[in-house]
All heavy atoms as atom14 arrays in JSON, in Angstrom:
{
  "sequence": "RAHQDVLHSDMIHSKNCPIDCGDIYYSGIRRSGVYTIMP",
  "atom14_mask": [
    [1, 1, 1, 1, 1, 1, 1, 1, 1, 1, 1, 0, 0, 0],
    [1, 1, 1, 1, 1, 0, 0, 0, 0, 0, 0, 0, 0, 0],
    [1, 1, 1, 1, 1, 1, 1, 1, 1, 1, 0, 0, 0, 0],
    [1, 1, 1, 1, 1, 1, 1, 1, 1, 0, 0, 0, 0, 0],
    [1, 1, 1, 1, 1, 1, 1, 1, 0, 0, 0, 0, 0, 0],
    [1, 1, 1, 1, 1, 1, 1, 0, 0, 0, 0, 0, 0, 0],
    [1, 1, 1, 1, 1, 1, 1, 1, 0, 0, 0, 0, 0, 0],
    [1, 1, 1, 1, 1, 1, 1, 1, 1, 1, 0, 0, 0, 0],
    [1, 1, 1, 1, 1, 1, 0, 0, 0, 0, 0, 0, 0, 0],
    [1, 1, 1, 1, 1, 1, 1, 1, 0, 0, 0, 0, 0, 0],
    [1, 1, 1, 1, 1, 1, 1, 1, 0, 0, 0, 0, 0, 0],
    [1, 1, 1, 1, 1, 1, 1, 1, 0, 0, 0, 0, 0, 0],
    [1, 1, 1, 1, 1, 1, 1, 1, 1, 1, 0, 0, 0, 0],
    [1, 1, 1, 1, 1, 1, 0, 0, 0, 0, 0, 0, 0, 0],
    [1, 1, 1, 1, 1, 1, 1, 1, 1, 0, 0, 0, 0, 0],
    [1, 1, 1, 1, 1, 1, 1, 1, 0, 0, 0, 0, 0, 0],
    [1, 1, 1, 1, 1, 1, 0, 0, 0, 0, 0, 0, 0, 0],
    [1, 1, 1, 1, 1, 1, 1, 0, 0, 0, 0, 0, 0, 0],
    [1, 1, 1, 1, 1, 1, 1, 1, 0, 0, 0, 0, 0, 0],
    [1, 1, 1, 1, 1, 1, 1, 1, 0, 0, 0, 0, 0, 0],
    [1, 1, 1, 1, 1, 1, 0, 0, 0, 0, 0, 0, 0, 0],
    [1, 1, 1, 1, 0, 0, 0, 0, 0, 0, 0, 0, 0, 0],
    [1, 1, 1, 1, 1, 1, 1, 1, 0, 0, 0, 0, 0, 0],
    [1, 1, 1, 1, 1, 1, 1, 1, 0, 0, 0, 0, 0, 0],
    [1, 1, 1, 1, 1, 1, 1, 1, 1, 1, 1, 1, 0, 0],
    [1, 1, 1, 1, 1, 1, 1, 1, 1, 1, 1, 1, 0, 0],
    [1, 1, 1, 1, 1, 1, 0, 0, 0, 0, 0, 0, 0, 0],
    [1, 1, 1, 1, 0, 0, 0, 0, 0, 0, 0, 0, 0, 0],
    [1, 1, 1, 1, 1, 1, 1, 1, 0, 0, 0, 0, 0, 0],
    [1, 1, 1, 1, 1, 1, 1, 1, 1, 1, 1, 0, 0, 0],
    [1, 1, 1, 1, 1, 1, 1, 1, 1, 1, 1, 0, 0, 0],
    [1, 1, 1, 1, 1, 1, 0, 0, 0, 0, 0, 0, 0, 0],
    [1, 1, 1, 1, 0, 0, 0, 0, 0, 0, 0, 0, 0, 0],
    [1, 1, 1, 1, 1, 1, 1, 0, 0, 0, 0, 0, 0, 0],
    [1, 1, 1, 1, 1, 1, 1, 1, 1, 1, 1, 1, 0, 0],
    [1, 1, 1, 1, 1, 1, 1, 0, 0, 0, 0, 0, 0, 0],
    [1, 1, 1, 1, 1, 1, 1, 1, 0, 0, 0, 0, 0, 0],
    [1, 1, 1, 1, 1, 1, 1, 1, 0, 0, 0, 0, 0, 0],
    [1, 1, 1, 1, 1, 1, 1, 0, 0, 0, 0, 0, 0, 0]
  ],
  "atom14_positions": [
    [[0.83, -1.21, 0.0], [0.0, 0.0, 0.0], [0.86, 1.25, 0.0], [0.5, 2.28, -0.57], [-0.92, 0.01, 1.22], [-1.99, -1.06, 1.16], [-2.76, -1.12, 2.44], [-3.42, 0.14, 2.7], [-4.07, 0.42, 3.83], [-4.1, -0.48, 4.78], [-4.65, 1.58, 4.0], [0.0, 0.0, 0.0], [0.0, 0.0, 0.0], [0.0, 0.0, 0.0]],
    [[2.03, 1.17, 0.63], [2.9, 2.34, 0.67], [3.49, 2.67, -0.69], [3.84, 3.81, -0.96], [4.03, 2.09, 1.67], [0.0, 0.0, 0.0], [0.0, 0.0, 0.0], [0.0, 0.0, 0.0], [0.0, 0.0, 0.0], [0.0, 0.0, 0.0], [0.0, 0.0, 0.0], [0.0, 0.0, 0.0], [0.0, 0.0, 0.0], [0.0, 0.0, 0.0]],
    [[3.59, 1.67, -1.58], [4.2, 1.9, -2.88], [3.23, 1.81, -4.03], [3.6, 2.03, -5.18], [5.33, 0.89, -3.1], [6.47, 1.05, -2.15], [6.48, 0.47, -0.89], [7.63, 1.74, -2.24], [7.6, 0.78, -0.26], [8.31, 1.56, -1.06], [0.0, 0.0, 0.0], [0.0, 0.0, 0.0], [0.0, 0.0, 0.0], [0.0, 0.0, 0.0]],
    [[1.95, 1.46, -3.77], [0.99, 1.27, -4.85], [-0.32, 1.97, -4.51], [-1.38, 1.35, -4.45], [0.75, -0.21, -5.11], [2.03, -0.99, -5.45], [1.75, -2.44, -5.72], [0.71, -2.78, -6.3], [2.66, -3.31, -5.32], [0.0, 0.0, 0.0], [0.0, 0.0, 0.0], [0.0, 0.0, 0.0], [0.0, 0.0, 0.0], [0.0, 0.0, 0.0]],
    [[-0.23, 3.28, -4.22], [-1.43, 4.03, -3.87], [-2.43, 4.1, -5.01], [-3.62, 4.36, -4.8], [-1.05, 5.46, -3.46], [-0.28, 5.47, -2.14], [-0.43, 4.5, -1.39], [0.45, 6.45, -1.9], [0.0, 0.0, 0.0], [0.0, 0.0, 0.0], [0.0, 0.0, 0.0], [0.0, 0.0, 0.0], [0.0, 0.0, 0.0], [0.0, 0.0, 0.0]],
    [[-1.96, 3.86, -6.25], [-2.88, 3.95, -7.38], [-3.82, 2.77, -7.43], [-4.85, 2.82, -8.1], [-2.07, 4.05, -8.7], [-1.29, 5.34, -8.75], [-1.14, 2.85, -8.85], [0.0, 0.0, 0.0], [0.0, 0.0, 0.0], [0.0, 0.0, 0.0], [0.0, 0.0, 0.0], [0.0, 0.0, 0.0], [0.0, 0.0, 0.0], [0.0, 0.0, 0.0]],
    [[-3.46, 1.69, -6.76], [-4.32, 0.51, -6.77], [-5.46, 0.68, -5.8], [-5.36, 1.4, -4.81], [-3.49, -0.73, -6.4], [-2.34, -1.07, -7.34], [-1.6, -2.28, -6.81], [-2.84, -1.31, -8.76], [0.0, 0.0, 0.0], [0.0, 0.0, 0.0], [0.0, 0.0, 0.0], [0.0, 0.0, 0.0], [0.0, 0.0, 0.0], [0.0, 0.0, 0.0]],
    [[-6.55, 0.03, -6.08], [-7.69, 0.06, -5.18], [-7.33, -0.63, -3.88], [-6.72, -1.69, -3.86], [-8.89, -0.64, -5.84], [-10.18, -0.4, -5.12], [-10.56, -1.12, -4.01], [-11.16, 0.52, -5.33], [-11.73, -0.68, -3.57], [-12.12, 0.31, -4.35], [0.0, 0.0, 0.0], [0.0, 0.0, 0.0], [0.0, 0.0, 0.0], [0.0, 0.0, 0.0]],
    [[-7.74, -0.03, -2.76], [-7.32, -0.54, -1.46], [-7.81, -1.96, -1.22], [-7.13, -2.76, -0.59], [-7.82, 0.38, -0.35], [-9.24, 0.46, -0.38], [0.0, 0.0, 0.0], [0.0, 0.0, 0.0], [0.0, 0.0, 0.0], [0.0, 0.0, 0.0], [0.0, 0.0, 0.0], [0.0, 0.0, 0.0], [0.0, 0.0, 0.0], [0.0, 0.0, 0.0]],
    [[-9.0, -2.29, -1.71], [-9.52, -3.64, -1.48], [-8.67, -4.7, -2.19], [-8.65, -5.86, -1.79], [-10.96, -3.74, -1.98], [-11.9, -2.91, -1.12], [-11.52, -2.61, 0.02], [-12.99, -2.58, -1.61], [0.0, 0.0, 0.0], [0.0, 0.0, 0.0], [0.0, 0.0, 0.0], [0.0, 0.0, 0.0], [0.0, 0.0, 0.0], [0.0, 0.0, 0.0]],
    [[-7.95, -4.27, -3.25], [-7.17, -5.23, -4.02], [-5.86, -5.59, -3.32], [-5.3, -6.65, -3.56], [-6.85, -4.65, -5.41], [-8.09, -4.42, -6.28], [-7.65, -3.54, -7.79], [-6.49, -4.67, -8.51], [0.0, 0.0, 0.0], [0.0, 0.0, 0.0], [0.0, 0.0, 0.0], [0.0, 0.0, 0.0], [0.0, 0.0, 0.0], [0.0, 0.0, 0.0]],
    [[-5.37, -4.72, -2.45], [-4.05, -4.94, -1.87], [-4.1, -5.17, -0.37], [-3.09, -5.43, 0.25], [-3.12, -3.75, -2.17], [-3.7, -2.47, -1.55], [-2.92, -3.56, -3.65], [-2.79, -1.28, -1.74], [0.0, 0.0, 0.0], [0.0, 0.0, 0.0], [0.0, 0.0, 0.0], [0.0, 0.0, 0.0], [0.0, 0.0, 0.0], [0.0, 0.0, 0.0]],
    [[-5.27, -5.07, 0.23], [-5.38, -5.25, 1.66], [-5.52, -6.73, 1.98], [-6.43, -7.4, 1.52], [-6.57, -4.48, 2.22], [-6.54, -4.39, 3.72], [-7.0, -5.4, 4.53], [-6.1, -3.41, 4.54], [-6.85, -5.05, 5.78], [-6.31, -3.84, 5.82], [0.0, 0.0, 0.0], [0.0, 0.0, 0.0], [0.0, 0.0, 0.0], [0.0, 0.0, 0.0]],
    [[-4.58, -7.2, 2.78], [-4.59, -8.63, 3.11], [-5.71, -8.96, 4.07], [-6.04, -8.19, 4.95], [-3.24, -9.01, 3.75], [-3.29, -10.32, 4.25], [0.0, 0.0, 0.0], [0.0, 0.0, 0.0], [0.0, 0.0, 0.0], [0.0, 0.0, 0.0], [0.0, 0.0, 0.0], [0.0, 0.0, 0.0], [0.0, 0.0, 0.0], [0.0, 0.0, 0.0]],
    [[-6.26, -10.13, 3.88], [-7.31, -10.59, 4.79], [-6.76, -10.85, 6.19], [-7.5, -10.88, 7.16], [-7.94, -11.88, 4.24], [-8.74, -11.66, 2.97], [-9.93, -10.75, 3.22], [-10.79, -10.59, 1.97], [-11.91, -9.67, 2.21], [0.0, 0.0, 0.0], [0.0, 0.0, 0.0], [0.0, 0.0, 0.0], [0.0, 0.0, 0.0], [0.0, 0.0, 0.0]],
    [[-5.45, -11.04, 6.29], [-4.84, -11.3, 7.58], [-4.5, -10.03, 8.34], [-3.96, -10.11, 9.44], [-3.56, -12.14, 7.4], [-3.87, -13.52, 6.87], [-4.86, -14.14, 7.27], [-3.03, -14.02, 5.97], [0.0, 0.0, 0.0], [0.0, 0.0, 0.0], [0.0, 0.0, 0.0], [0.0, 0.0, 0.0], [0.0, 0.0, 0.0], [0.0, 0.0, 0.0]],
    [[-4.77, -8.87, 7.77], [-4.47, -7.59, 8.41], [-5.74, -7.08, 9.07], [-6.73, -6.78, 8.38], [-3.97, -6.59, 7.37], [-3.36, -5.06, 8.09], [0.0, 0.0, 0.0], [0.0, 0.0, 0.0], [0.0, 0.0, 0.0], [0.0, 0.0, 0.0], [0.0, 0.0, 0.0], [0.0, 0.0, 0.0], [0.0, 0.0, 0.0], [0.0, 0.0, 0.0]],
    [[-5.79, -6.97, 10.4], [-7.04, -6.57, 11.07], [-7.38, -5.12, 10.78], [-6.55, -4.22, 10.91], [-6.73, -6.79, 12.55], [-5.24, -6.68, 12.65], [-4.71, -7.22, 11.37], [0.0, 0.0, 0.0], [0.0, 0.0, 0.0], [0.0, 0.0, 0.0], [0.0, 0.0, 0.0], [0.0, 0.0, 0.0], [0.0, 0.0, 0.0], [0.0, 0.0, 0.0]],
    [[-8.63, -4.9, 10.38], [-9.07, -3.54, 10.08], [-9.83, -2.93, 11.24], [-10.08, -1.73, 11.25], [-9.96, -3.53, 8.81], [-11.24, -4.34, 9.04], [-9.18, -4.04, 7.62], [-12.24, -4.24, 7.9], [0.0, 0.0, 0.0], [0.0, 0.0, 0.0], [0.0, 0.0, 0.0], [0.0, 0.0, 0.0], [0.0, 0.0, 0.0], [0.0, 0.0, 0.0]],
    [[-10.21, -3.74, 12.23], [-10.89, -3.25, 13.42], [-10.8, -4.32, 14.5], [-10.17, -5.38, 14.31], [-12.34, -2.86, 13.11], [-13.14, -4.0, 12.51], [-12.74, -5.18, 12.69], [-14.17, -3.73, 11.87], [0.0, 0.0, 0.0], [0.0, 0.0, 0.0], [0.0, 0.0, 0.0], [0.0, 0.0, 0.0], [0.0, 0.0, 0.0], [0.0, 0.0, 0.0]],
    [[-11.42, -4.07, 15.61], [-11.35, -5.03, 16.71], [-12.15, -6.31, 16.42], [-11.9, -7.35, 17.06], [-11.84, -4.38, 18.0], [-10.69, -3.14, 18.64], [0.0, 0.0, 0.0], [0.0, 0.0, 0.0], [0.0, 0.0, 0.0], [0.0, 0.0, 0.0], [0.0, 0.0, 0.0], [0.0, 0.0, 0.0], [0.0, 0.0, 0.0], [0.0, 0.0, 0.0]],
    [[-13.08, -6.22, 15.5], [-13.79, -7.43, 15.08], [-12.82, -8.41, 14.46], [-12.88, -9.63, 14.72], [0.0, 0.0, 0.0], [0.0, 0.0, 0.0], [0.0, 0.0, 0.0], [0.0, 0.0, 0.0], [0.0, 0.0, 0.0], [0.0, 0.0, 0.0], [0.0, 0.0, 0.0], [0.0, 0.0, 0.0], [0.0, 0.0, 0.0], [0.0, 0.0, 0.0]],
    [[-11.89, -7.92, 13.6], [-10.89, -8.78, 13.01], [-9.94, -9.32, 14.06], [-9.47, -10.47, 13.96], [-10.11, -8.0, 11.95], [-10.79, -8.03, 10.59], [-11.9, -8.58, 10.51], [-10.22, -7.48, 9.62], [0.0, 0.0, 0.0], [0.0, 0.0, 0.0], [0.0, 0.0, 0.0], [0.0, 0.0, 0.0], [0.0, 0.0, 0.0], [0.0, 0.0, 0.0]],
    [[-9.61, -8.49, 15.05], [-8.77, -8.98, 16.16], [-9.47, -10.16, 16.85], [-8.84, -11.17, 17.18], [-8.5, -7.85, 17.17], [-7.7, -6.69, 16.51], [-7.77, -8.38, 18.4], [-6.28, -7.01, 16.18], [0.0, 0.0, 0.0], [0.0, 0.0, 0.0], [0.0, 0.0, 0.0], [0.0, 0.0, 0.0], [0.0, 0.0, 0.0], [0.0, 0.0, 0.0]],
    [[-10.77, -10.0, 17.05], [-11.56, -11.08, 17.68], [-11.5, -12.35, 16.83], [-11.29, -13.45, 17.33], [-13.0, -10.6, 17.86], [-13.94, -11.63, 18.42], [-14.16, -11.72, 19.79], [-14.63, -12.5, 17.57], [-15.02, -12.67, 20.31], [-15.51, -13.45, 18.08], [-15.71, -13.52, 19.46], [-16.57, -14.45, 19.97], [0.0, 0.0, 0.0], [0.0, 0.0, 0.0]],
    [[-11.7, -12.19, 15.5], [-11.71, -13.35, 14.62], [-10.34, -14.02, 14.52], [-10.24, -15.2, 14.17], [-12.18, -12.95, 13.22], [-13.65, -12.63, 13.14], [-14.12, -11.57, 12.36], [-14.58, -13.41, 13.82], [-15.46, -11.29, 12.28], [-15.93, -13.11, 13.75], [-16.37, -12.05, 12.99], [-17.72, -11.77, 12.91], [0.0, 0.0, 0.0], [0.0, 0.0, 0.0]],
    [[-9.25, -13.26, 14.84], [-7.92, -13.86, 14.79], [-7.66, -14.75, 15.99], [-6.6, -15.38, 16.08], [-6.85, -12.76, 14.72], [-6.78, -12.04, 15.95], [0.0, 0.0, 0.0], [0.0, 0.0, 0.0], [0.0, 0.0, 0.0], [0.0, 0.0, 0.0], [0.0, 0.0, 0.0], [0.0, 0.0, 0.0], [0.0, 0.0, 0.0], [0.0, 0.0, 0.0]],
    [[-8.61, -14.78, 16.93], [-8.49, -15.65, 18.08], [-8.19, -14.94, 19.38], [-8.08, -15.56, 20.44], [0.0, 0.0, 0.0], [0.0, 0.0, 0.0], [0.0, 0.0, 0.0], [0.0, 0.0, 0.0], [0.0, 0.0, 0.0], [0.0, 0.0, 0.0], [0.0, 0.0, 0.0], [0.0, 0.0, 0.0], [0.0, 0.0, 0.0], [0.0, 0.0, 0.0]],
    [[-8.04, -13.61, 19.34], [-7.78, -12.83, 20.56], [-9.1, -12.44, 21.18], [-9.89, -11.71, 20.58], [-6.92, -11.59, 20.25], [-5.57, -12.01, 19.67], [-6.72, -10.75, 21.5], [-4.7, -10.86, 19.22], [0.0, 0.0, 0.0], [0.0, 0.0, 0.0], [0.0, 0.0, 0.0], [0.0, 0.0, 0.0], [0.0, 0.0, 0.0], [0.0, 0.0, 0.0]],
    [[-9.37, -12.88, 22.38], [-10.66, -12.63, 23.02], [-10.52, -11.82, 24.31], [-11.48, -11.74, 25.08], [-11.36, -13.97, 23.33], [-11.43, -14.92, 22.14], [-12.31, -14.37, 21.03], [-12.16, -15.09, 19.79], [-12.77, -16.25, 19.51], [-13.54, -16.81, 20.42], [-12.6, -16.84, 18.35], [0.0, 0.0, 0.0], [0.0, 0.0, 0.0], [0.0, 0.0, 0.0]],
    [[-9.35, -11.25, 24.54], [-9.14, -10.49, 25.75], [-9.13, -9.0, 25.43], [-8.5, -8.55, 24.46], [-7.8, -10.87, 26.4], [-7.46, -10.08, 27.66], [-6.15, -10.54, 28.26], [-6.24, -11.93, 28.7], [-5.22, -12.59, 29.23], [-4.04, -12.0, 29.35], [-5.38, -13.85, 29.63], [0.0, 0.0, 0.0], [0.0, 0.0, 0.0], [0.0, 0.0, 0.0]],
    [[-9.85, -8.2, 26.24], [-9.88, -6.75, 26.03], [-8.48, -6.16, 26.24], [-7.73, -6.61, 27.11], [-10.86, -6.08, 27.0], [-12.18, -6.54, 26.79], [0.0, 0.0, 0.0], [0.0, 0.0, 0.0], [0.0, 0.0, 0.0], [0.0, 0.0, 0.0], [0.0, 0.0, 0.0], [0.0, 0.0, 0.0], [0.0, 0.0, 0.0], [0.0, 0.0, 0.0]],
    [[-8.14, -5.18, 25.43], [-6.83, -4.54, 25.55], [-6.53, -3.67, 24.34], [-7.38, -3.46, 23.47], [0.0, 0.0, 0.0], [0.0, 0.0, 0.0], [0.0, 0.0, 0.0], [0.0, 0.0, 0.0], [0.0, 0.0, 0.0], [0.0, 0.0, 0.0], [0.0, 0.0, 0.0], [0.0, 0.0, 0.0], [0.0, 0.0, 0.0], [0.0, 0.0, 0.0]],
    [[-5.31, -3.16, 24.31], [-4.87, -2.27, 23.22], [-4.19, -3.11, 22.15], [-3.25, -3.87, 22.43], [-3.91, -1.19, 23.75], [-3.4, -0.32, 22.61], [-4.6, -0.33, 24.81], [0.0, 0.0, 0.0], [0.0, 0.0, 0.0], [0.0, 0.0, 0.0], [0.0, 0.0, 0.0], [0.0, 0.0, 0.0], [0.0, 0.0, 0.0], [0.0, 0.0, 0.0]],
    [[-4.67, -2.95, 20.9], [-4.13, -3.69, 19.77], [-3.91, -2.75, 18.59], [-4.38, -1.6, 18.59], [-5.07, -4.83, 19.37], [-5.3, -5.84, 20.48], [-6.4, -5.72, 21.33], [-4.42, -6.9, 20.67], [-6.61, -6.64, 22.36], [-4.62, -7.83, 21.69], [-5.72, -7.68, 22.53], [-5.92, -8.59, 23.55], [0.0, 0.0, 0.0], [0.0, 0.0, 0.0]],
    [[-3.19, -3.26, 17.59], [-2.91, -2.46, 16.4], [-3.76, -2.94, 15.24], [-3.81, -4.14, 14.94], [-1.42, -2.55, 16.01], [-0.61, -2.09, 17.09], [-1.13, -1.7, 14.78], [0.0, 0.0, 0.0], [0.0, 0.0, 0.0], [0.0, 0.0, 0.0], [0.0, 0.0, 0.0], [0.0, 0.0, 0.0], [0.0, 0.0, 0.0], [0.0, 0.0, 0.0]],
    [[-4.44, -2.01, 14.59], [-5.23, -2.32, 13.4], [-4.73, -1.48, 12.23], [-3.96, -0.52, 12.42], [-6.74, -2.06, 13.63], [-7.0, -0.55, 13.84], [-7.24, -2.88, 14.82], [-8.46, -0.17, 13.86], [0.0, 0.0, 0.0], [0.0, 0.0, 0.0], [0.0, 0.0, 0.0], [0.0, 0.0, 0.0], [0.0, 0.0, 0.0], [0.0, 0.0, 0.0]],
    [[-5.17, -1.82, 11.03], [-4.83, -1.03, 9.85], [-6.08, -0.91, 8.98], [-6.42, -1.83, 8.22], [-3.7, -1.67, 9.05], [-3.29, -0.83, 7.84], [-1.96, -1.61, 6.89], [-0.62, -1.51, 8.04], [0.0, 0.0, 0.0], [0.0, 0.0, 0.0], [0.0, 0.0, 0.0], [0.0, 0.0, 0.0], [0.0, 0.0, 0.0], [0.0, 0.0, 0.0]],
    [[-6.81, 0.19, 9.09], [-8.02, 0.36, 8.27], [-7.7, 0.21, 6.79], [-6.64, 0.63, 6.32], [-8.48, 1.78, 8.61], [-7.92, 2.03, 9.98], [-6.59, 1.33, 9.99], [0.0, 0.0, 0.0], [0.0, 0.0, 0.0], [0.0, 0.0, 0.0], [0.0, 0.0, 0.0], [0.0, 0.0, 0.0], [0.0, 0.0, 0.0], [0.0, 0.0, 0.0]]
  ]
}
């Protein structure tokens, strides 16, 4: 994404990259806390 801004974001965003806390939950983390996401 840092080198291909011309591409559509949906095309280059990995499914393994959490976009919100819902994705953090689906990755198997079920404990409340501070995590890193990438919208």
